[in-house]
Amino acid sequence: MNLTTVEEGKEYIIQRIETDDEELNAFLFSLGCYSGEPITVVNRHRKSCVVSIKDSRYNIDSQLAEAIIVY
């Protein structure tokens, strides 16, 4: 499942990032968003969601949220 379908406030583990864009992968890695790391969707809006990664909060768009696969 991806971040657009998960329950708000529940912690999940990132399984993988589904993108071929190396710049995007590097950006997410710099935020601490990579395989094996916990992530929580704090709040979801229509075209974005707020996520918590390593005690920091980020606003990501829905397209990016779809690329982050969790379990």
Protein backbone atom coordinates (compact mmCIF):
# COMPACT_ATOMS: atom_id res chain seq x y z
CA MET A 1 0.00 0.00 0.00
CA ASN A 2 1.11 3.59 -0.50
CA LEU A 3 0.77 6.68 1.67
CA THR A 4 -2.47 7.79 0.02
CA THR A 5 -4.30 4.75 1.41
CA VAL A 6 -2.92 4.40 4.94
CA GLU A 7 -4.57 5.37 8.21
CA GLU A 8 -3.65 8.77 9.64
CA GLY A 9 -1.67 8.72 12.88
CA LYS A 10 -0.46 5.12 12.51
CA GLU A 11 3.24 4.37 12.04
CA TYR A 12 4.28 2.36 8.99
CA ILE A 13 7.63 1.12 7.69
CA ILE A 14 8.81 2.25 4.26
CA GLN A 15 9.19 -0.78 2.04
CA ARG A 16 10.39 0.97 -1.12
CA ILE A 17 10.17 4.09 -3.24
CA GLU A 18 8.66 3.49 -6.69
CA THR A 19 10.30 6.08 -8.93
CA ASP A 20 12.90 6.13 -11.68
CA ASP A 21 13.88 9.73 -10.90
CA GLU A 22 17.33 9.69 -9.26
CA GLU A 23 17.01 13.32 -8.09
CA LEU A 24 13.77 12.47 -6.32
CA ASN A 25 15.37 9.42 -4.70
CA ALA A 26 18.28 11.56 -3.49
CA PHE A 27 15.90 14.21 -2.14
CA LEU A 28 13.83 11.64 -0.24
CA PHE A 29 16.99 10.02 1.11
CA SER A 30 18.14 13.40 2.43
CA LEU A 31 14.84 13.68 4.33
CA GLY A 32 15.37 10.24 5.86
CA CYS A 33 12.74 8.63 3.64
CA TYR A 34 14.20 5.28 2.58
CA SER A 35 13.55 1.58 2.96
CA GLY A 36 13.24 0.35 6.54
CA GLU A 37 12.49 3.75 8.10
CA PRO A 38 9.26 4.45 10.01
CA ILE A 39 6.86 7.04 8.58
CA THR A 40 3.53 8.40 9.82
CA VAL A 41 0.86 10.28 7.87
CA VAL A 42 -0.09 13.07 10.27
CA ASN A 43 -2.77 14.72 8.15
CA ARG A 44 -4.12 14.23 4.65
CA HIS A 45 -5.44 16.98 2.38
CA ARG A 46 -6.96 16.73 -1.06
CA LYS A 47 -3.72 17.15 -3.01
CA SER A 48 -1.08 16.62 -0.33
CA CYS A 49 -0.35 15.05 3.01
CA VAL A 50 1.78 15.86 6.03
CA VAL A 51 4.16 13.08 7.02
CA SER A 52 6.41 12.61 10.01
CA ILE A 53 9.86 11.16 9.35
CA LYS A 54 12.56 11.07 12.03
CA ASP A 55 10.86 13.65 14.30
CA SER A 56 10.37 16.10 11.41
CA ARG A 57 7.22 16.92 9.47
CA TYR A 58 7.03 17.43 5.72
CA ASN A 59 4.24 18.32 3.34
CA ILE A 60 4.36 16.11 0.24
CA ASP A 61 2.06 16.08 -2.78
CA SER A 62 -0.22 13.17 -3.57
CA GLN A 63 1.90 12.03 -6.53
CA LEU A 64 4.93 11.62 -4.26
CA ALA A 65 2.78 9.95 -1.59
CA GLU A 66 1.71 7.35 -4.18
CA ALA A 67 5.38 6.50 -4.85
CA ILE A 68 6.16 5.68 -1.19
CA ILE A 69 5.21 2.05 -0.56
CA VAL A 70 4.79 1.01 3.10
CA TYR A 71 3.79 -2.00 5.17
